[in-house]
PDB file of all heavy atoms in Angstrom:
ATOM      1  N   LYS A   1     -63.494 -42.754   9.872  1.00  0.00           N
ATOM      2  CA  LYS A   1     -62.499 -43.811  10.052  1.00  0.00           C
ATOM      3  C   LYS A   1     -61.891 -43.642  11.438  1.00  0.00           C
ATOM      4  O   LYS A   1     -61.412 -42.549  11.769  1.00  0.00           O
ATOM      5  CB  LYS A   1     -61.388 -43.704   8.996  1.00  0.00           C
ATOM      6  CG  LYS A   1     -61.745 -44.273   7.648  1.00  0.00           C
ATOM      7  CD  LYS A   1     -60.503 -44.231   6.750  1.00  0.00           C
ATOM      8  CE  LYS A   1     -60.761 -44.925   5.436  1.00  0.00           C
ATOM      9  NZ  LYS A   1     -59.535 -44.953   4.597  1.00  0.00           N
ATOM     10  N   PRO A   2     -61.927 -44.683  12.264  1.00  0.00           N
ATOM     11  CA  PRO A   2     -61.395 -44.561  13.632  1.00  0.00           C
ATOM     12  C   PRO A   2     -59.948 -44.061  13.642  1.00  0.00           C
ATOM     13  O   PRO A   2     -59.079 -44.633  12.978  1.00  0.00           O
ATOM     14  CB  PRO A   2     -61.466 -45.998  14.166  1.00  0.00           C
ATOM     15  CG  PRO A   2     -62.554 -46.646  13.364  1.00  0.00           C
ATOM     16  CD  PRO A   2     -62.450 -46.032  11.994  1.00  0.00           C
ATOM     17  N   GLY A   3     -59.715 -42.966  14.342  1.00  0.00           N
ATOM     18  CA  GLY A   3     -58.365 -42.424  14.488  1.00  0.00           C
ATOM     19  C   GLY A   3     -57.845 -41.671  13.288  1.00  0.00           C
ATOM     20  O   GLY A   3     -56.680 -41.291  13.244  1.00  0.00           O
ATOM     21  N   LYS A   4     -58.705 -41.433  12.287  1.00  0.00           N
ATOM     22  CA  LYS A   4     -58.255 -40.733  11.081  1.00  0.00           C
ATOM     23  C   LYS A   4     -59.221 -39.612  10.726  1.00  0.00           C
ATOM     24  O   LYS A   4     -60.412 -39.685  11.011  1.00  0.00           O
ATOM     25  CB  LYS A   4     -58.152 -41.716   9.904  1.00  0.00           C
ATOM     26  CG  LYS A   4     -57.081 -42.777  10.095  1.00  0.00           C
ATOM     27  CD  LYS A   4     -56.974 -43.665   8.855  1.00  0.00           C
ATOM     28  CE  LYS A   4     -55.901 -44.732   9.034  1.00  0.00           C
ATOM     29  NZ  LYS A   4     -55.793 -45.600   7.835  1.00  0.00           N
ATOM     30  N   LYS A   5     -58.673 -38.567  10.102  1.00  0.00           N
ATOM     31  CA  LYS A   5     -59.512 -37.454   9.668  1.00  0.00           C
ATOM     32  C   LYS A   5     -60.240 -37.785   8.361  1.00  0.00           C
ATOM     33  O   LYS A   5     -61.348 -37.329   8.118  1.00  0.00           O
ATOM     34  CB  LYS A   5     -58.659 -36.195   9.469  1.00  0.00           C
ATOM     35  CG  LYS A   5     -58.101 -35.627  10.765  1.00  0.00           C
ATOM     36  CD  LYS A   5     -57.337 -34.341  10.504  1.00  0.00           C
ATOM     37  CE  LYS A   5     -56.810 -33.753  11.817  1.00  0.00           C
ATOM     38  NZ  LYS A   5     -56.047 -32.502  11.571  1.00  0.00           N
ATOM     39  N   LYS A   6     -59.578 -38.590   7.528  1.00  0.00           N
ATOM     40  CA  LYS A   6     -60.173 -38.950   6.246  1.00  0.00           C
ATOM     41  C   LYS A   6     -61.369 -39.863   6.451  1.00  0.00           C
ATOM     42  O   LYS A   6     -61.336 -40.784   7.252  1.00  0.00           O
ATOM     43  CB  LYS A   6     -59.127 -39.657   5.369  1.00  0.00           C
ATOM     44  CG  LYS A   6     -59.602 -39.934   3.955  1.00  0.00           C
ATOM     45  CD  LYS A   6     -58.500 -40.597   3.136  1.00  0.00           C
ATOM     46  CE  LYS A   6     -58.994 -40.889   1.725  1.00  0.00           C
ATOM     47  NZ  LYS A   6     -57.951 -41.557   0.907  1.00  0.00           N
ATOM     48  N   LYS A   7     -62.448 -39.581   5.736  1.00  0.00           N
ATOM     49  CA  LYS A   7     -63.656 -40.391   5.844  1.00  0.00           C
ATOM     50  C   LYS A   7     -63.717 -41.448   4.740  1.00  0.00           C
ATOM     51  O   LYS A   7     -63.166 -41.249   3.656  1.00  0.00           O
ATOM     52  CB  LYS A   7     -64.898 -39.492   5.783  1.00  0.00           C
ATOM     53  CG  LYS A   7     -65.038 -38.556   6.974  1.00  0.00           C
ATOM     54  CD  LYS A   7     -66.333 -37.780   6.911  1.00  0.00           C
ATOM     55  CE  LYS A   7     -66.500 -36.891   8.138  1.00  0.00           C
ATOM     56  NZ  LYS A   7     -67.780 -36.146   8.103  1.00  0.00           N
ATOM     57  N   ARG A   8     -64.372 -42.550   5.046  1.00  0.00           N
ATOM     58  CA  ARG A   8     -64.505 -43.644   4.089  1.00  0.00           C
ATOM     59  C   ARG A   8     -65.805 -43.470   3.286  1.00  0.00           C
ATOM     60  O   ARG A   8     -66.889 -43.357   3.874  1.00  0.00           O
ATOM     61  CB  ARG A   8     -64.543 -44.976   4.818  1.00  0.00           C
ATOM     62  CG  ARG A   8     -64.640 -46.186   3.881  1.00  0.00           C
ATOM     63  CD  ARG A   8     -64.938 -47.452   4.665  1.00  0.00           C
ATOM     64  NE  ARG A   8     -63.913 -47.741   5.652  1.00  0.00           N
ATOM     65  CZ  ARG A   8     -62.776 -48.390   5.387  1.00  0.00           C
ATOM     66  NH1 ARG A   8     -62.532 -48.798   4.151  1.00  0.00           N
ATOM     67  NH2 ARG A   8     -61.912 -48.631   6.348  1.00  0.00           N
ATOM     68  N   PRO A   9     -65.697 -43.443   1.944  1.00  0.00           N
ATOM     69  CA  PRO A   9     -66.922 -43.342   1.142  1.00  0.00           C
ATOM     70  C   PRO A   9     -67.685 -44.653   1.163  1.00  0.00           C
ATOM     71  O   PRO A   9     -67.103 -45.727   1.074  1.00  0.00           O
ATOM     72  CB  PRO A   9     -66.389 -43.027  -0.260  1.00  0.00           C
ATOM     73  CG  PRO A   9     -65.014 -43.602  -0.288  1.00  0.00           C
ATOM     74  CD  PRO A   9     -64.483 -43.470   1.113  1.00  0.00           C
ATOM     75  N   LEU A  10     -68.988 -44.565   1.304  1.00  0.00           N
ATOM     76  CA  LEU A  10     -69.827 -45.755   1.349  1.00  0.00           C
ATOM     77  C   LEU A  10     -70.973 -45.585   0.355  1.00  0.00           C
ATOM     78  O   LEU A  10     -71.651 -44.559   0.355  1.00  0.00           O
ATOM     79  CB  LEU A  10     -70.379 -45.945   2.763  1.00  0.00           C
ATOM     80  CG  LEU A  10     -71.188 -47.209   3.039  1.00  0.00           C
ATOM     81  CD1 LEU A  10     -70.296 -48.446   2.935  1.00  0.00           C
ATOM     82  CD2 LEU A  10     -71.832 -47.146   4.410  1.00  0.00           C
ATOM     83  N   GLY A  11     -71.163 -46.583  -0.501  1.00  0.00           N
ATOM     84  CA  GLY A  11     -72.244 -46.548  -1.475  1.00  0.00           C
ATOM     85  C   GLY A  11     -73.400 -47.415  -1.007  1.00  0.00           C
ATOM     86  O   GLY A  11     -73.213 -48.593  -0.726  1.00  0.00           O
ATOM     87  N   ILE A  12     -74.582 -46.848  -0.919  1.00  0.00           N
ATOM     88  CA  ILE A  12     -75.754 -47.573  -0.433  1.00  0.00           C
ATOM     89  C   ILE A  12     -76.691 -47.868  -1.600  1.00  0.00           C
ATOM     90  O   ILE A  12     -77.266 -46.945  -2.192  1.00  0.00           O
ATOM     91  CB  ILE A  12     -76.498 -46.769   0.643  1.00  0.00           C
ATOM     92  CG1 ILE A  12     -75.555 -46.455   1.811  1.00  0.00           C
ATOM     93  CG2 ILE A  12     -77.727 -47.528   1.139  1.00  0.00           C
ATOM     94  CD1 ILE A  12     -76.146 -45.534   2.843  1.00  0.00           C
ATOM     95  N   PRO A  13     -76.862 -49.146  -1.944  1.00  0.00           N
ATOM     96  CA  PRO A  13     -77.800 -49.493  -3.021  1.00  0.00           C
ATOM     97  C   PRO A  13     -79.248 -49.358  -2.544  1.00  0.00           C
ATOM     98  O   PRO A  13     -79.518 -49.300  -1.340  1.00  0.00           O
ATOM     99  CB  PRO A  13     -77.479 -50.969  -3.323  1.00  0.00           C
ATOM    100  CG  PRO A  13     -76.240 -51.297  -2.540  1.00  0.00           C
ATOM    101  CD  PRO A  13     -76.199 -50.334  -1.401  1.00  0.00           C
ATOM    102  N   THR A  14     -80.161 -49.339  -3.483  1.00  0.00           N
ATOM    103  CA  THR A  14     -81.575 -49.359  -3.131  1.00  0.00           C
ATOM    104  C   THR A  14     -81.937 -50.737  -2.567  1.00  0.00           C
ATOM    105  O   THR A  14     -81.197 -51.708  -2.737  1.00  0.00           O
ATOM    106  CB  THR A  14     -82.457 -49.092  -4.360  1.00  0.00           C
ATOM    107  OG1 THR A  14     -82.268 -50.158  -5.311  1.00  0.00           O
ATOM    108  CG2 THR A  14     -82.112 -47.759  -5.010  1.00  0.00           C
ATOM    109  N   MET A  15     -83.067 -50.838  -1.912  1.00  0.00           N
ATOM    110  CA  MET A  15     -83.536 -52.115  -1.380  1.00  0.00           C
ATOM    111  C   MET A  15     -83.712 -53.129  -2.513  1.00  0.00           C
ATOM    112  O   MET A  15     -83.389 -54.308  -2.366  1.00  0.00           O
ATOM    113  CB  MET A  15     -84.854 -51.923  -0.629  1.00  0.00           C
ATOM    114  CG  MET A  15     -84.767 -51.069   0.622  1.00  0.00           C
ATOM    115  SD  MET A  15     -83.850 -51.866   1.962  1.00  0.00           S
ATOM    116  CE  MET A  15     -85.064 -53.039   2.559  1.00  0.00           C
ATOM    117  N   TYR A  16     -84.209 -52.656  -3.641  1.00  0.00           N
ATOM    118  CA  TYR A  16     -84.424 -53.551  -4.788  1.00  0.00           C
ATOM    119  C   TYR A  16     -83.090 -54.118  -5.267  1.00  0.00           C
ATOM    120  O   TYR A  16     -82.963 -55.327  -5.492  1.00  0.00           O
ATOM    121  CB  TYR A  16     -85.115 -52.799  -5.925  1.00  0.00           C
ATOM    122  CG  TYR A  16     -85.584 -53.700  -7.059  1.00  0.00           C
ATOM    123  CD1 TYR A  16     -86.893 -54.180  -7.086  1.00  0.00           C
ATOM    124  CD2 TYR A  16     -84.737 -54.062  -8.092  1.00  0.00           C
ATOM    125  CE1 TYR A  16     -87.334 -55.002  -8.099  1.00  0.00           C
ATOM    126  CE2 TYR A  16     -85.161 -54.890  -9.112  1.00  0.00           C
ATOM    127  CZ  TYR A  16     -86.460 -55.355  -9.114  1.00  0.00           C
ATOM    128  OH  TYR A  16     -86.887 -56.187 -10.127  1.00  0.00           O
ATOM    129  N   ASP A  17     -82.102 -53.248  -5.421  1.00  0.00           N
ATOM    130  CA  ASP A  17     -80.789 -53.705  -5.888  1.00  0.00           C
ATOM    131  C   ASP A  17     -80.129 -54.635  -4.877  1.00  0.00           C
ATOM    132  O   ASP A  17     -79.476 -55.611  -5.247  1.00  0.00           O
ATOM    133  CB  ASP A  17     -79.883 -52.504  -6.177  1.00  0.00           C
ATOM    134  CG  ASP A  17     -80.327 -51.736  -7.423  1.00  0.00           C
ATOM    135  OD1 ASP A  17     -80.979 -52.340  -8.285  1.00  0.00           O
ATOM    136  OD2 ASP A  17     -80.029 -50.528  -7.517  1.00  0.00           O
ATOM    137  N   ARG A  18     -80.304 -54.349  -3.580  1.00  0.00           N
ATOM    138  CA  ARG A  18     -79.762 -55.245  -2.549  1.00  0.00           C
ATOM    139  C   ARG A  18     -80.407 -56.625  -2.631  1.00  0.00           C
ATOM    140  O   ARG A  18     -79.743 -57.647  -2.441  1.00  0.00           O
ATOM    141  CB  ARG A  18     -79.987 -54.645  -1.159  1.00  0.00           C
ATOM    142  CG  ARG A  18     -78.925 -53.624  -0.748  1.00  0.00           C
ATOM    143  CD  ARG A  18     -79.230 -53.066   0.618  1.00  0.00           C
ATOM    144  NE  ARG A  18     -79.839 -51.746   0.501  1.00  0.00           N
ATOM    145  CZ  ARG A  18     -80.284 -51.035   1.521  1.00  0.00           C
ATOM    146  NH1 ARG A  18     -80.224 -51.510   2.743  1.00  0.00           N
ATOM    147  NH2 ARG A  18     -80.814 -49.844   1.331  1.00  0.00           N
ATOM    148  N   SER A  19     -81.682 -56.651  -2.922  1.00  0.00           N
ATOM    149  CA  SER A  19     -82.387 -57.930  -3.038  1.00  0.00           C
ATOM    150  C   SER A  19     -81.921 -58.700  -4.271  1.00  0.00           C
ATOM    151  O   SER A  19     -81.770 -59.929  -4.222  1.00  0.00           O
ATOM    152  CB  SER A  19     -83.902 -57.698  -3.101  1.00  0.00           C
ATOM    153  OG  SER A  19     -84.366 -57.135  -1.896  1.00  0.00           O
ATOM    154  N   MET A  20     -81.687 -57.995  -5.360  1.00  0.00           N
ATOM    155  CA  MET A  20     -81.160 -58.655  -6.558  1.00  0.00           C
ATOM    156  C   MET A  20     -79.763 -59.207  -6.286  1.00  0.00           C
ATOM    157  O   MET A  20     -79.416 -60.314  -6.710  1.00  0.00           O
ATOM    158  CB  MET A  20     -81.127 -57.670  -7.734  1.00  0.00           C
ATOM    159  CG  MET A  20     -82.495 -57.341  -8.305  1.00  0.00           C
ATOM    160  SD  MET A  20     -83.299 -58.752  -9.126  1.00  0.00           S
ATOM    161  CE  MET A  20     -82.365 -58.843 -10.655  1.00  0.00           C
ATOM    162  N   GLN A  21     -78.953 -58.440  -5.546  1.00  0.00           N
ATOM    163  CA  GLN A  21     -77.616 -58.926  -5.175  1.00  0.00           C
ATOM    164  C   GLN A  21     -77.717 -60.183  -4.321  1.00  0.00           C
ATOM    165  O   GLN A  21     -76.975 -61.149  -4.534  1.00  0.00           O
ATOM    166  CB  GLN A  21     -76.868 -57.826  -4.419  1.00  0.00           C
ATOM    167  CG  GLN A  21     -76.478 -56.633  -5.270  1.00  0.00           C
ATOM    168  CD  GLN A  21     -76.010 -55.451  -4.444  1.00  0.00           C
ATOM    169  OE1 GLN A  21     -75.802 -55.559  -3.234  1.00  0.00           O
ATOM    170  NE2 GLN A  21     -75.843 -54.302  -5.087  1.00  0.00           N
ATOM    171  N   ALA A  22     -78.638 -60.172  -3.353  1.00  0.00           N
ATOM    172  CA  ALA A  22     -78.822 -61.338  -2.481  1.00  0.00           C
ATOM    173  C   ALA A  22     -79.293 -62.545  -3.280  1.00  0.00           C
ATOM    174  O   ALA A  22     -78.850 -63.676  -3.040  1.00  0.00           O
ATOM    175  CB  ALA A  22     -79.829 -61.004  -1.372  1.00  0.00           C
ATOM    176  N   LEU A  23     -80.182 -62.322  -4.238  1.00  0.00           N
ATOM    177  CA  LEU A  23     -80.705 -63.405  -5.069  1.00  0.00           C
ATOM    178  C   LEU A  23     -79.607 -64.058  -5.889  1.00  0.00           C
ATOM    179  O   LEU A  23     -79.463 -65.286  -5.913  1.00  0.00           O
ATOM    180  CB  LEU A  23     -81.803 -62.844  -5.992  1.00  0.00           C
ATOM    181  CG  LEU A  23     -82.431 -63.820  -6.988  1.00  0.00           C
ATOM    182  CD1 LEU A  23     -83.152 -64.944  -6.256  1.00  0.00           C
ATOM    183  CD2 LEU A  23     -83.404 -63.071  -7.910  1.00  0.00           C
ATOM    184  N   TYR A  24     -78.788 -63.239  -6.538  1.00  0.00           N
ATOM    185  CA  TYR A  24     -77.728 -63.793  -7.389  1.00  0.00           C
ATOM    186  C   TYR A  24     -76.545 -64.310  -6.575  1.00  0.00           C
ATOM    187  O   TYR A  24     -75.806 -65.175  -7.037  1.00  0.00           O
ATOM    188  CB  TYR A  24     -77.309 -62.764  -8.449  1.00  0.00           C
ATOM    189  CG  TYR A  24     -78.288 -62.753  -9.594  1.00  0.00           C
ATOM    190  CD1 TYR A  24     -79.451 -61.999  -9.529  1.00  0.00           C
ATOM    191  CD2 TYR A  24     -78.090 -63.542 -10.720  1.00  0.00           C
ATOM    192  CE1 TYR A  24     -80.385 -62.027 -10.554  1.00  0.00           C
ATOM    193  CE2 TYR A  24     -79.011 -63.568 -11.750  1.00  0.00           C
ATOM    194  CZ  TYR A  24     -80.156 -62.811 -11.673  1.00  0.00           C
ATOM    195  OH  TYR A  24     -81.076 -62.856 -12.690  1.00  0.00           O
ATOM    196  N   ALA A  25     -76.393 -63.780  -5.357  1.00  0.00           N
ATOM    197  CA  ALA A  25     -75.361 -64.336  -4.469  1.00  0.00           C
ATOM    198  C   ALA A  25     -75.683 -65.782  -4.123  1.00  0.00           C
ATOM    199  O   ALA A  25     -74.777 -66.621  -3.992  1.00  0.00           O
ATOM    200  CB  ALA A  25     -75.255 -63.501  -3.193  1.00  0.00           C
ATOM    201  N   MET A  26     -76.962 -66.097  -3.993  1.00  0.00           N
ATOM    202  CA  MET A  26     -77.363 -67.484  -3.714  1.00  0.00           C
ATOM    203  C   MET A  26     -76.944 -68.420  -4.845  1.00  0.00           C
ATOM    204  O   MET A  26     -76.628 -69.585  -4.608  1.00  0.00           O
ATOM    205  CB  MET A  26     -78.885 -67.569  -3.533  1.00  0.00           C
ATOM    206  CG  MET A  26     -79.413 -66.937  -2.277  1.00  0.00           C
ATOM    207  SD  MET A  26     -81.215 -67.165  -2.198  1.00  0.00           S
ATOM    208  CE  MET A  26     -81.707 -65.629  -1.475  1.00  0.00           C
ATOM    209  N   ALA A  27     -76.939 -67.908  -6.065  1.00  0.00           N
ATOM    210  CA  ALA A  27     -76.540 -68.725  -7.214  1.00  0.00           C
ATOM    211  C   ALA A  27     -75.019 -68.855  -7.315  1.00  0.00           C
ATOM    212  O   ALA A  27     -74.512 -69.820  -7.884  1.00  0.00           O
ATOM    213  CB  ALA A  27     -77.098 -68.115  -8.501  1.00  0.00           C
ATOM    214  N   LEU A  28     -74.303 -67.885  -6.742  1.00  0.00           N
ATOM    215  CA  LEU A  28     -72.834 -67.915  -6.789  1.00  0.00           C
ATOM    216  C   LEU A  28     -72.213 -68.668  -5.619  1.00  0.00           C
ATOM    217  O   LEU A  28     -71.131 -69.245  -5.748  1.00  0.00           O
ATOM    218  CB  LEU A  28     -72.283 -66.483  -6.794  1.00  0.00           C
ATOM    219  CG  LEU A  28     -72.170 -65.779  -8.138  1.00  0.00           C
ATOM    220  CD1 LEU A  28     -71.689 -64.348  -7.944  1.00  0.00           C
ATOM    221  CD2 LEU A  28     -71.233 -66.524  -9.079  1.00  0.00           C
ATOM    222  N   GLU A  29     -72.874 -68.653  -4.476  1.00  0.00           N
ATOM    223  CA  GLU A  29     -72.317 -69.258  -3.259  1.00  0.00           C
ATOM    224  C   GLU A  29     -71.877 -70.713  -3.433  1.00  0.00           C
ATOM    225  O   GLU A  29     -70.775 -71.083  -3.000  1.00  0.00           O
ATOM    226  CB  GLU A  29     -73.319 -69.159  -2.108  1.00  0.00           C
ATOM    227  CG  GLU A  29     -73.319 -67.809  -1.423  1.00  0.00           C
ATOM    228  CD  GLU A  29     -74.433 -67.688  -0.389  1.00  0.00           C
ATOM    229  OE1 GLU A  29     -75.201 -68.668  -0.219  1.00  0.00           O
ATOM    230  OE2 GLU A  29     -74.544 -66.623   0.234  1.00  0.00           O
ATOM    231  N   PRO A  30     -72.701 -71.574  -4.062  1.00  0.00           N
ATOM    232  CA  PRO A  30     -72.275 -72.980  -4.196  1.00  0.00           C
ATOM    233  C   PRO A  30     -70.993 -73.134  -5.011  1.00  0.00           C
ATOM    234  O   PRO A  30     -70.190 -74.028  -4.748  1.00  0.00           O
ATOM    235  CB  PRO A  30     -73.457 -73.639  -4.917  1.00  0.00           C
ATOM    236  CG  PRO A  30     -74.613 -72.735  -4.695  1.00  0.00           C
ATOM    237  CD  PRO A  30     -74.047 -71.366  -4.610  1.00  0.00           C
ATOM    238  N   ILE A  31     -70.790 -72.250  -5.982  1.00  0.00           N
ATOM    239  CA  ILE A  31     -69.578 -72.305  -6.807  1.00  0.00           C
ATOM    240  C   ILE A  31     -68.391 -71.820  -5.995  1.00  0.00           C
ATOM    241  O   ILE A  31     -67.333 -72.463  -5.950  1.00  0.00           O
ATOM    242  CB  ILE A  31     -69.734 -71.438  -8.074  1.00  0.00           C
ATOM    243  CG1 ILE A  31     -70.930 -71.919  -8.897  1.00  0.00           C
ATOM    244  CG2 ILE A  31     -68.462 -71.469  -8.917  1.00  0.00           C
ATOM    245  CD1 ILE A  31     -71.294 -71.021 -10.056  1.00  0.00           C
ATOM    246  N   ALA A  32     -68.563 -70.664  -5.320  1.00  0.00           N
ATOM    247  CA  ALA A  32     -67.474 -70.093  -4.524  1.00  0.00           C
ATOM    248  C   ALA A  32     -67.055 -71.036  -3.405  1.00  0.00           C
ATOM    249  O   ALA A  32     -65.861 -71.222  -3.137  1.00  0.00           O
ATOM    250  CB  ALA A  32     -67.904 -68.746  -3.951  1.00  0.00           C
ATOM    251  N   GLU A  33     -68.027 -71.661  -2.748  1.00  0.00           N
ATOM    252  CA  GLU A  33     -67.709 -72.548  -1.636  1.00  0.00           C
ATOM    253  C   GLU A  33     -67.096 -73.868  -2.105  1.00  0.00           C
ATOM    254  O   GLU A  33     -66.301 -74.472  -1.390  1.00  0.00           O
ATOM    255  CB  GLU A  33     -68.966 -72.817  -0.803  1.00  0.00           C
ATOM    256  CG  GLU A  33     -69.455 -71.621  -0.019  1.00  0.00           C
ATOM    257  CD  GLU A  33     -68.396 -71.067   0.921  1.00  0.00           C
ATOM    258  OE1 GLU A  33     -67.678 -71.856   1.576  1.00  0.00           O
ATOM    259  OE2 GLU A  33     -68.259 -69.834   0.986  1.00  0.00           O
ATOM    260  N   THR A  34     -67.459 -74.294  -3.311  1.00  0.00           N
ATOM    261  CA  THR A  34     -66.904 -75.546  -3.846  1.00  0.00           C
ATOM    262  C   THR A  34     -65.474 -75.343  -4.356  1.00  0.00           C
ATOM    263  O   THR A  34     -64.603 -76.197  -4.152  1.00  0.00           O
ATOM    264  CB  THR A  34     -67.788 -76.081  -4.987  1.00  0.00           C
ATOM    265  OG1 THR A  34     -69.117 -76.290  -4.494  1.00  0.00           O
ATOM    266  CG2 THR A  34     -67.254 -77.407  -5.523  1.00  0.00           C
TER     267      THR A  34
END
């Protein structure tokens, strides 16, 4: 973290899980944007 000693935890999904997230995000985007 810039200027801080404490570090930020980051969770990295697998490529497969990221693709599933991207796929379902496409189905959610029209609702969220509307």
